[in-house]
Amino acid sequence: METDIAINQQTQVVLTDKSLEENAIVLTNELTWLSLIIQTRLELHFKQETPYQSIQELTPPDISDKEGSYVTFIQKHKLNFAERLLLILALVPHIQPSILDILLTKNKDYDRRYSEFGGLLIEGHLGLIPTAETAMFLIAGDVLQKRLQYHKLITQDFVPIRRGIISLSRTKGNSPLLSNIWMIANEYVEYLLTGKPYQAKYSPDFPAQRIHTKLSWEDLIVSRSTTHSLQEIRDWVTYGHTVLEELELGKRLKPGYKSLFYGPPGTGKSMAAALLGKSTDRQVYRIDLSMTVSKYIGETEKNLAKVFDQAQQHDWILFFDEADSLFGQRTQVSSANDRYGNQEIGYLLQRIEDFPGVVILASNLKDNIDDAFTRRFQSIIEFKMPGVEERYQLWKQSFAKKLPLNENADLWHISENYEISGGLMMNVVRKCTLQAVTNKENTITQQSLETAIQQELQKEGVILS
């Protein structure tokens, strides 16, 4: 997808060299301000000599004439004094952790760190990782009334918390609420520093990969009914908020949109999903369920939970390929593995049903999907094998302009005689074009094209008469 999006569909920031430089200046000033606040808070806390009666006297740096992603975030969300302080504190471990070293000071009476400072020491990082207690100490000190005043902000109301930018990960299940780590999630650091939106990377722990396309809707040759159904999904992405919020149907309708794409391989299901993302400024992440099901019980559920959580935060479109490998008819329970497998399927079905965004499941056969689940789809879209006319149009647009099909080739004859999918066509075009380049030919002959088609069909197990 050529057009990327910023955090949660915010206005995209394209950083020039000048704005990158200004972003660095802004962050430097913010860090200096934070350092002064920490020093002043400690002086006030220990009743040492200080020119300030309150940290509120330390005015935040002026950013009214500045630009960059960090400034844009502050201005867009109209962050006040406390919120700006909380934001830069959460970013410090990523850019200048030494600022927090002063909070590692030990209480000489007890030969341990001051518990009121909060913070954690974790393996692999020499500095202090701030916690919500650190944030509370800086903005409220030990004044209980102020701590109560800021408690809701620090635990749930702060914009970066609501948007998942600060994830508030718990250290242990029974630990106090303010012992949560207070740090910008790794995926948002790049955005705040350079303006580049987050793109997740495929890994065993994150079994999803972004898909995109350089093609346009005109390149997708499908039936009129399929085109109409795809437009409905685009309309929901554009106007779904209006339907649910402004028209107040959210009381009766579940958020999100679920669709089943079914049809033979190579008929455009993945391409259609990528085009939906491209045309609506949404990133599309593909999960190949045939490769995702873990041999370890519970791992599939845990790893896919990460995908759902990230997708909800970033407003991605989720595309489950080979969906019938996991969402098909449930197995009869004859062992513990069957029971746990069905539990994982049930978990995934529930997450899909509750997901507030767009979910697309792709299957070769509609009948492979459990009937109990198909009733939950808002649309079921068939991608048929292209007919003669569709194949003719696909062939016409498939060859390179600089190395076209020979003008004497009978493309209609090819379209009539070989029933193949668009995906298989591109394998043929690749083979023919490579052969022509190798042989220093200016065009692709009909004989070369037909030979390549026959080779591809034989590879697919089709017996030619």
Protein backbone atom coordinates (compact mmCIF):
# COMPACT_ATOMS: atom_id res chain seq x y z
CA MET A 1 0.00 0.00 0.00
CA GLU A 2 1.61 3.25 -1.11
CA THR A 3 -0.24 5.48 1.40
CA ASP A 4 0.69 4.77 5.00
CA ILE A 5 -1.31 5.94 8.00
CA ALA A 6 -0.24 7.35 11.31
CA ILE A 7 -1.37 6.27 14.77
CA ASN A 8 -5.10 5.44 14.83
CA GLN A 9 -5.78 7.31 11.59
CA GLN A 10 -4.38 10.58 12.92
CA THR A 11 -3.41 13.27 10.46
CA GLN A 12 -0.28 11.98 8.81
CA VAL A 13 2.95 13.85 9.48
CA VAL A 14 5.50 13.83 6.69
CA LEU A 15 8.74 14.89 8.31
CA THR A 16 11.17 16.92 6.23
CA ASP A 17 14.79 17.44 7.27
CA LYS A 18 13.70 20.73 8.81
CA SER A 19 10.87 19.19 10.82
CA LEU A 20 13.15 16.33 11.95
CA GLU A 21 15.58 18.93 13.22
CA GLU A 22 12.78 20.81 14.95
CA ASN A 23 11.46 17.57 16.43
CA ALA A 24 14.92 16.99 17.92
CA ILE A 25 14.98 20.52 19.34
CA VAL A 26 11.51 20.10 20.84
CA LEU A 27 12.44 16.78 22.44
CA THR A 28 15.70 18.22 23.80
CA ASN A 29 13.76 21.08 25.42
CA GLU A 30 11.18 18.63 26.81
CA LEU A 31 13.93 16.48 28.33
CA THR A 32 15.56 19.53 29.90
CA TRP A 33 12.18 20.51 31.34
CA LEU A 34 11.61 17.00 32.70
CA SER A 35 15.08 16.95 34.27
CA LEU A 36 14.35 20.24 36.03
CA ILE A 37 11.00 18.92 37.28
CA ILE A 38 12.64 15.78 38.69
CA GLN A 39 15.28 17.86 40.46
CA THR A 40 12.66 20.27 41.84
CA ARG A 41 10.36 17.44 42.95
CA LEU A 42 13.22 15.86 44.90
CA GLU A 43 14.14 19.19 46.50
CA LEU A 44 10.52 19.74 47.53
CA HIS A 45 10.17 16.16 48.74
CA PHE A 46 13.28 16.32 50.94
CA LYS A 47 12.55 19.95 51.95
CA GLN A 48 15.78 21.20 50.46
CA GLU A 49 16.41 24.76 49.33
CA THR A 50 14.69 25.48 46.02
CA PRO A 51 13.43 28.64 44.27
CA TYR A 52 10.09 26.93 43.53
CA GLN A 53 7.07 26.28 45.70
CA SER A 54 5.53 23.85 43.20
CA ILE A 55 6.52 22.08 40.01
CA GLN A 56 3.61 23.90 38.37
CA GLU A 57 5.85 26.98 38.32
CA LEU A 58 8.07 25.22 35.77
CA THR A 59 6.36 26.24 32.57
CA PRO A 60 6.57 23.70 29.70
CA PRO A 61 8.65 24.76 26.67
CA ASP A 62 6.79 26.83 24.09
CA ILE A 63 5.98 24.75 21.01
CA SER A 64 3.48 27.08 19.34
CA ASP A 65 5.80 27.79 16.40
CA LYS A 66 7.32 24.31 16.14
CA GLU A 67 6.48 21.35 13.93
CA GLY A 68 7.07 17.60 13.90
CA SER A 69 5.30 14.45 15.02
CA TYR A 70 5.82 15.02 18.75
CA VAL A 71 4.41 18.56 18.57
CA THR A 72 1.53 17.36 16.39
CA PHE A 73 0.59 14.73 18.97
CA ILE A 74 0.63 17.26 21.83
CA GLN A 75 -1.38 19.82 19.88
CA LYS A 76 -3.88 17.36 18.44
CA HIS A 77 -4.78 16.02 21.88
CA LYS A 78 -4.40 19.38 23.65
CA LEU A 79 -2.19 17.92 26.35
CA ASN A 80 -1.98 20.02 29.50
CA PHE A 81 0.97 20.47 31.90
CA ALA A 82 0.55 17.12 33.67
CA GLU A 83 -0.13 15.20 30.45
CA ARG A 84 2.96 16.59 28.71
CA LEU A 85 5.03 15.61 31.73
CA LEU A 86 3.60 12.08 31.67
CA LEU A 87 4.26 11.76 27.94
CA ILE A 88 7.94 12.75 28.01
CA LEU A 89 8.49 10.58 31.11
CA ALA A 90 7.17 7.55 29.19
CA LEU A 91 9.48 8.31 26.26
CA VAL A 92 12.65 8.87 28.32
CA PRO A 93 13.75 5.18 28.57
CA HIS A 94 13.88 5.07 24.78
CA ILE A 95 15.89 8.25 24.17
CA GLN A 96 17.75 9.42 27.31
CA PRO A 97 17.44 6.99 30.23
CA SER A 98 20.23 8.70 32.18
CA ILE A 99 17.79 11.45 33.19
CA LEU A 100 16.18 8.98 35.60
CA ASP A 101 19.45 7.87 37.21
CA ILE A 102 18.94 10.33 40.06
CA LEU A 103 15.88 8.31 41.11
CA LEU A 104 18.16 5.34 41.78
CA THR A 105 19.37 7.11 44.92
CA LYS A 106 19.26 4.88 48.00
CA ASN A 107 17.62 5.63 51.31
CA LYS A 108 20.61 5.49 53.67
CA ASP A 109 18.43 4.56 56.64
CA TYR A 110 17.25 1.36 54.98
CA ASP A 111 20.00 0.80 52.38
CA ARG A 112 17.51 0.47 49.55
CA ARG A 113 15.88 2.67 46.95
CA TYR A 114 13.08 5.02 47.91
CA SER A 115 9.81 3.19 47.29
CA GLU A 116 7.96 6.46 46.64
CA PHE A 117 10.09 7.04 43.51
CA GLY A 118 8.70 3.92 41.83
CA GLY A 119 10.55 2.46 38.88
CA LEU A 120 11.96 -0.95 38.02
CA LEU A 121 15.28 -2.45 37.09
CA ILE A 122 14.96 -5.03 34.36
CA GLU A 123 17.44 -7.42 32.78
CA GLY A 124 19.18 -6.04 29.71
CA HIS A 125 18.70 -2.37 30.65
CA LEU A 126 21.08 -0.51 32.99
CA GLY A 127 18.80 2.43 33.68
CA LEU A 128 15.59 2.83 35.64
CA ILE A 129 12.32 1.95 33.92
CA PRO A 130 9.62 4.33 35.23
CA THR A 131 6.37 2.98 36.61
CA ALA A 132 3.01 4.64 37.16
CA GLU A 133 4.26 5.30 40.72
CA THR A 134 7.15 7.31 39.23
CA ALA A 135 4.64 9.32 37.21
CA MET A 136 2.47 9.88 40.29
CA PHE A 137 5.46 10.98 42.39
CA LEU A 138 6.49 13.59 39.82
CA ILE A 139 3.09 15.22 39.39
CA ALA A 140 1.70 14.82 42.94
CA GLY A 141 4.58 14.10 45.31
CA ASP A 142 3.32 12.64 48.57
CA VAL A 143 0.25 14.88 48.87
CA LEU A 144 -2.65 12.42 49.10
CA GLN A 145 -5.26 14.85 47.81
CA LYS A 146 -3.26 15.46 44.65
CA ARG A 147 -2.58 11.75 44.25
CA LEU A 148 -6.31 11.06 44.37
CA GLN A 149 -6.87 13.89 41.88
CA TYR A 150 -4.46 12.35 39.34
CA HIS A 151 -5.21 8.66 40.01
CA LYS A 152 -7.81 8.25 37.26
CA LEU A 153 -5.63 10.11 34.75
CA ILE A 154 -2.67 7.82 35.38
CA THR A 155 -4.64 4.57 35.45
CA GLN A 156 -7.12 5.03 32.58
CA ASP A 157 -7.95 8.55 31.33
CA PHE A 158 -4.63 9.59 29.79
CA VAL A 159 -4.92 9.67 25.98
CA PRO A 160 -1.84 7.46 25.34
CA ILE A 161 -3.28 4.86 27.74
CA ARG A 162 -6.67 4.84 26.01
CA ARG A 163 -4.98 4.45 22.64
CA GLY A 164 -2.55 1.76 23.77
CA ILE A 165 0.49 4.01 23.23
CA ILE A 166 1.34 3.41 26.88
CA SER A 167 0.42 -0.21 27.53
CA LEU A 168 0.69 -0.24 31.36
CA SER A 169 2.11 -3.77 31.41
CA ARG A 170 1.90 -5.42 34.81
CA THR A 171 4.98 -6.89 36.42
CA LYS A 172 3.05 -9.54 38.39
CA GLY A 173 -0.63 -10.29 38.75
CA ASN A 174 -0.99 -9.23 42.39
CA SER A 175 1.29 -6.19 42.27
CA PRO A 176 -0.16 -2.74 43.12
CA LEU A 177 -1.78 -0.84 40.25
CA LEU A 178 0.85 1.91 40.23
CA SER A 179 3.67 -0.63 39.85
CA ASN A 180 2.74 -0.94 36.16
CA ILE A 181 5.54 0.02 33.76
CA TRP A 182 5.12 3.58 32.46
CA MET A 183 6.70 3.55 29.02
CA ILE A 184 5.78 4.24 25.39
CA ALA A 185 5.13 0.92 23.66
CA ASN A 186 7.94 0.07 21.25
CA GLU A 187 5.71 0.29 18.19
CA TYR A 188 4.93 3.98 18.80
CA VAL A 189 8.45 5.23 19.48
CA GLU A 190 9.33 5.62 15.80
CA TYR A 191 6.19 7.65 15.18
CA LEU A 192 6.84 10.12 18.01
CA LEU A 193 10.49 10.50 17.01
CA THR A 194 10.28 10.58 13.20
CA GLY A 195 6.61 10.54 12.22
CA LYS A 196 6.81 7.11 10.58
CA PRO A 197 3.72 4.99 11.31
CA TYR A 198 4.09 1.63 12.98
CA GLN A 199 4.33 -1.51 10.85
CA ALA A 200 4.39 -4.80 12.69
CA LYS A 201 6.89 -7.43 11.59
CA TYR A 202 6.12 -11.11 11.19
CA SER A 203 7.57 -13.37 13.86
CA PRO A 204 6.64 -16.61 15.63
CA ASP A 205 5.09 -14.47 18.37
CA PHE A 206 3.27 -12.22 15.88
CA PRO A 207 1.93 -14.47 13.11
CA ALA A 208 0.68 -11.72 10.79
CA GLN A 209 2.28 -10.06 7.79
CA ARG A 210 1.29 -6.82 6.11
CA ILE A 211 0.07 -7.12 2.52
CA HIS A 212 -0.16 -4.33 -0.02
CA THR A 213 -0.50 -3.88 -3.75
CA LYS A 214 0.60 -1.48 -6.47
CA LEU A 215 -2.50 -2.31 -8.51
CA SER A 216 -5.82 -0.47 -8.61
CA TRP A 217 -9.49 -1.51 -8.68
CA GLU A 218 -9.40 -1.45 -12.48
CA ASP A 219 -6.90 -4.33 -12.37
CA LEU A 220 -9.26 -6.55 -10.38
CA ILE A 221 -11.37 -8.46 -12.91
CA VAL A 222 -14.31 -9.97 -11.02
CA SER A 223 -18.07 -10.26 -11.52
CA ARG A 224 -20.39 -7.29 -11.07
CA SER A 225 -21.94 -8.81 -7.93
CA THR A 226 -18.51 -9.32 -6.38
CA THR A 227 -17.57 -5.71 -7.15
CA HIS A 228 -20.81 -4.50 -5.55
CA SER A 229 -20.18 -6.56 -2.41
CA LEU A 230 -16.63 -5.23 -2.09
CA GLN A 231 -17.98 -1.69 -2.38
CA GLU A 232 -20.23 -2.39 0.59
CA ILE A 233 -17.17 -3.13 2.73
CA ARG A 234 -15.55 0.12 1.58
CA ASP A 235 -18.75 1.98 2.45
CA TRP A 236 -18.78 0.46 5.94
CA VAL A 237 -15.18 1.55 6.58
CA THR A 238 -16.09 5.07 5.46
CA TYR A 239 -19.56 5.45 7.01
CA GLY A 240 -19.76 2.74 9.68
CA HIS A 241 -19.04 5.30 12.43
CA THR A 242 -21.95 7.41 11.21
CA VAL A 243 -24.29 4.41 11.32
CA LEU A 244 -23.22 3.34 14.82
CA GLU A 245 -22.63 6.68 16.52
CA GLU A 246 -24.48 9.51 14.81
CA LEU A 247 -27.53 7.42 13.97
CA GLU A 248 -27.21 5.65 17.36
CA LEU A 249 -27.56 2.14 15.94
CA GLY A 250 -24.57 1.06 18.01
CA LYS A 251 -27.09 0.08 20.68
CA ARG A 252 -28.44 -2.65 18.40
CA LEU A 253 -25.61 -3.42 15.99
CA LYS A 254 -22.24 -4.89 16.85
CA PRO A 255 -19.29 -2.81 15.69
CA GLY A 256 -17.08 -4.07 12.90
CA TYR A 257 -17.66 -5.91 9.65
CA LYS A 258 -17.00 -9.59 8.95
CA SER A 259 -16.83 -10.99 5.44
CA LEU A 260 -16.09 -14.38 3.92
CA PHE A 261 -14.23 -14.49 0.60
CA TYR A 262 -14.47 -17.90 -1.03
CA GLY A 263 -13.35 -19.33 -4.33
CA PRO A 264 -10.50 -21.24 -6.01
CA PRO A 265 -6.88 -20.15 -5.48
CA GLY A 266 -5.68 -17.30 -7.70
CA THR A 267 -9.09 -15.68 -8.19
CA GLY A 268 -8.24 -12.38 -6.45
CA LYS A 269 -9.16 -12.83 -2.78
CA SER A 270 -5.85 -11.55 -1.40
CA MET A 271 -5.67 -8.80 -4.00
CA ALA A 272 -9.17 -7.62 -3.12
CA ALA A 273 -8.25 -7.46 0.58
CA ALA A 274 -5.13 -5.41 -0.22
CA LEU A 275 -7.15 -3.06 -2.43
CA LEU A 276 -9.71 -2.54 0.33
CA GLY A 277 -6.90 -1.40 2.58
CA LYS A 278 -5.29 0.78 -0.07
CA SER A 279 -8.54 2.55 -0.95
CA THR A 280 -9.53 3.21 2.67
CA ASP A 281 -6.11 4.11 4.11
CA ARG A 282 -6.02 1.02 6.31
CA GLN A 283 -3.11 -1.34 6.74
CA VAL A 284 -4.02 -4.96 5.95
CA TYR A 285 -2.42 -7.81 7.87
CA ARG A 286 -2.62 -11.36 6.58
CA ILE A 287 -2.73 -14.33 8.95
CA ASP A 288 -2.14 -17.69 7.29
CA LEU A 289 -4.00 -19.97 9.66
CA SER A 290 -2.57 -23.11 8.10
CA MET A 291 0.86 -21.90 9.29
CA THR A 292 -0.31 -20.45 12.59
CA VAL A 293 -1.86 -23.34 14.48
CA SER A 294 0.72 -24.15 17.12
CA LYS A 295 1.63 -27.64 18.23
CA TYR A 296 1.76 -26.23 21.74
CA ILE A 297 -1.63 -25.97 23.39
CA GLY A 298 -2.49 -22.37 24.16
CA GLU A 299 0.22 -20.81 21.98
CA THR A 300 -2.13 -20.18 19.06
CA GLU A 301 -4.54 -18.30 21.29
CA LYS A 302 -1.79 -16.25 22.92
CA ASN A 303 -0.09 -15.25 19.65
CA LEU A 304 -3.29 -14.36 17.84
CA ALA A 305 -4.40 -12.32 20.84
CA LYS A 306 -1.42 -10.05 20.14
CA VAL A 307 -2.57 -9.63 16.54
CA PHE A 308 -6.12 -8.73 17.58
CA ASP A 309 -4.91 -6.26 20.20
CA GLN A 310 -2.58 -4.49 17.77
CA ALA A 311 -5.20 -4.48 15.02
CA GLN A 312 -7.75 -2.84 17.29
CA GLN A 313 -5.29 -0.16 18.40
CA HIS A 314 -4.15 0.66 14.86
CA ASP A 315 -7.44 0.13 13.00
CA TRP A 316 -6.05 -2.57 10.71
CA ILE A 317 -8.01 -4.83 8.40
CA LEU A 318 -7.38 -8.48 9.32
CA PHE A 319 -7.26 -11.03 6.50
CA PHE A 320 -7.36 -14.69 7.59
CA ASP A 321 -6.11 -16.79 4.70
CA GLU A 322 -6.68 -20.56 4.51
CA ALA A 323 -9.38 -19.99 7.12
CA ASP A 324 -10.98 -23.41 6.69
CA SER A 325 -7.86 -24.98 8.23
CA LEU A 326 -8.94 -23.67 11.62
CA PHE A 327 -12.51 -22.46 11.25
CA GLY A 328 -13.85 -25.54 9.55
CA GLN A 329 -16.07 -28.22 11.03
CA ARG A 330 -15.03 -28.75 14.64
CA THR A 331 -13.53 -32.10 15.50
CA GLN A 332 -15.21 -34.69 17.67
CA VAL A 333 -13.63 -34.63 21.10
CA SER A 334 -11.69 -37.86 21.51
CA SER A 335 -8.63 -36.53 23.34
CA ALA A 336 -7.37 -33.64 25.45
CA ASN A 337 -5.80 -32.09 22.34
CA ASP A 338 -9.17 -32.12 20.55
CA ARG A 339 -10.80 -30.46 23.54
CA TYR A 340 -8.14 -27.74 23.75
CA GLY A 341 -8.21 -27.32 19.97
CA ASN A 342 -11.93 -26.67 20.02
CA GLN A 343 -11.44 -24.22 22.88
CA GLU A 344 -8.94 -22.28 20.77
CA ILE A 345 -11.35 -22.24 17.84
CA GLY A 346 -14.08 -20.97 20.14
CA TYR A 347 -11.77 -18.24 21.44
CA LEU A 348 -10.88 -17.10 17.92
CA LEU A 349 -14.48 -17.10 16.78
CA GLN A 350 -15.38 -14.91 19.75
CA ARG A 351 -12.48 -12.49 19.13
CA ILE A 352 -13.49 -12.17 15.50
CA GLU A 353 -17.12 -11.56 16.42
CA ASP A 354 -16.15 -8.91 18.98
CA PHE A 355 -13.49 -7.21 16.81
CA PRO A 356 -14.65 -3.63 16.08
CA GLY A 357 -12.87 -3.41 12.72
CA VAL A 358 -12.97 -5.26 9.41
CA VAL A 359 -12.18 -8.99 9.37
CA ILE A 360 -12.00 -10.99 6.15
CA LEU A 361 -11.78 -14.77 6.09
CA ALA A 362 -10.69 -16.50 2.89
CA SER A 363 -11.53 -20.08 1.99
CA ASN A 364 -11.37 -22.20 -1.13
CA LEU A 365 -14.83 -23.61 -0.45
CA LYS A 366 -17.72 -21.97 1.36
CA ASP A 367 -18.87 -25.33 2.70
CA ASN A 368 -15.59 -25.70 4.59
CA ILE A 369 -16.65 -23.05 7.11
CA ASP A 370 -18.80 -24.05 10.07
CA ASP A 371 -22.45 -23.09 9.43
CA ALA A 372 -22.72 -21.75 12.98
CA PHE A 373 -20.10 -19.16 12.11
CA THR A 374 -21.21 -18.19 8.60
CA ARG A 375 -24.36 -16.68 10.11
CA ARG A 376 -22.15 -14.08 11.77
CA PHE A 377 -20.80 -12.70 8.48
CA GLN A 378 -22.15 -9.41 7.15
CA SER A 379 -21.30 -10.57 3.63
CA ILE A 380 -20.26 -13.76 1.85
CA ILE A 381 -18.49 -12.97 -1.42
CA GLU A 382 -17.74 -15.49 -4.15
CA PHE A 383 -14.61 -15.17 -6.28
CA LYS A 384 -15.31 -17.32 -9.32
CA MET A 385 -12.90 -18.69 -11.86
CA PRO A 386 -12.83 -16.09 -14.63
CA GLY A 387 -14.94 -16.77 -17.71
CA VAL A 388 -13.72 -16.33 -21.27
CA GLU A 389 -14.35 -12.56 -21.33
CA GLU A 390 -12.71 -12.07 -17.93
CA ARG A 391 -9.73 -14.19 -18.96
CA TYR A 392 -9.38 -12.13 -22.13
CA GLN A 393 -9.35 -8.88 -20.13
CA LEU A 394 -6.85 -10.31 -17.64
CA TRP A 395 -4.50 -11.44 -20.40
CA LYS A 396 -4.70 -8.04 -22.11
CA GLN A 397 -3.50 -6.18 -19.03
CA SER A 398 -0.90 -8.69 -17.86
CA PHE A 399 2.06 -8.18 -20.20
CA ALA A 400 4.75 -5.51 -19.89
CA LYS A 401 4.34 -2.55 -22.25
CA LYS A 402 8.01 -2.74 -23.16
CA LEU A 403 7.82 -6.48 -23.86
CA PRO A 404 4.28 -7.16 -25.07
CA LEU A 405 2.54 -10.16 -26.57
CA ASN A 406 3.18 -10.45 -30.29
CA GLU A 407 0.48 -8.67 -32.30
CA ASN A 408 -0.12 -11.84 -34.34
CA ALA A 409 -1.03 -13.86 -31.24
CA ASP A 410 -4.71 -14.86 -30.96
CA LEU A 411 -5.45 -13.89 -27.36
CA TRP A 412 -9.15 -14.73 -27.66
CA HIS A 413 -8.22 -18.26 -28.75
CA ILE A 414 -5.97 -18.56 -25.69
CA SER A 415 -8.79 -17.30 -23.44
CA GLU A 416 -11.29 -19.78 -24.88
CA ASN A 417 -9.05 -22.82 -24.72
CA TYR A 418 -7.37 -22.49 -21.33
CA GLU A 419 -9.51 -22.12 -18.21
CA ILE A 420 -7.06 -20.77 -15.65
CA SER A 421 -7.13 -18.28 -12.80
CA GLY A 422 -5.58 -14.83 -12.71
CA GLY A 423 -2.95 -16.02 -10.28
CA LEU A 424 -1.87 -18.80 -12.62
CA MET A 425 -1.81 -16.32 -15.51
CA MET A 426 0.82 -14.25 -13.71
CA ASN A 427 3.01 -17.34 -13.30
CA VAL A 428 2.72 -17.85 -17.06
CA VAL A 429 3.55 -14.21 -17.80
CA ARG A 430 6.59 -14.38 -15.54
CA LYS A 431 7.85 -17.50 -17.33
CA CYS A 432 7.24 -16.12 -20.84
CA THR A 433 8.73 -12.72 -20.11
CA LEU A 434 11.85 -14.19 -18.54
CA GLN A 435 12.32 -16.48 -21.55
CA ALA A 436 11.92 -13.57 -23.97
CA VAL A 437 14.44 -11.43 -22.04
CA THR A 438 16.90 -14.33 -21.93
CA ASN A 439 16.55 -14.90 -25.69
CA LYS A 440 16.75 -11.13 -26.40
CA GLU A 441 13.31 -11.14 -28.06
CA ASN A 442 11.17 -8.02 -28.44
CA THR A 443 7.78 -9.71 -28.08
CA ILE A 444 6.24 -12.85 -26.59
CA THR A 445 5.01 -15.34 -29.18
CA GLN A 446 1.79 -17.31 -28.99
CA GLN A 447 3.74 -20.56 -29.05
CA SER A 448 5.83 -19.44 -26.06
CA LEU A 449 2.65 -18.41 -24.24
CA GLU A 450 0.84 -21.68 -24.87
CA THR A 451 3.87 -23.75 -23.89
CA ALA A 452 4.12 -21.87 -20.59
CA ILE A 453 0.38 -22.33 -19.95
CA GLN A 454 0.64 -26.07 -20.53
CA GLN A 455 3.63 -26.33 -18.20
CA GLU A 456 1.73 -24.50 -15.45
CA LEU A 457 -1.35 -26.68 -15.88
CA GLN A 458 0.77 -29.84 -15.72
CA LYS A 459 2.35 -28.49 -12.53
CA GLU A 460 -1.17 -28.13 -11.14
CA GLY A 461 -1.94 -31.73 -12.05
CA VAL A 462 -4.22 -30.94 -14.98
CA ILE A 463 -4.08 -33.60 -17.67
CA LEU A 464 -4.12 -32.06 -21.17
CA SER A 465 -5.73 -33.92 -24.04
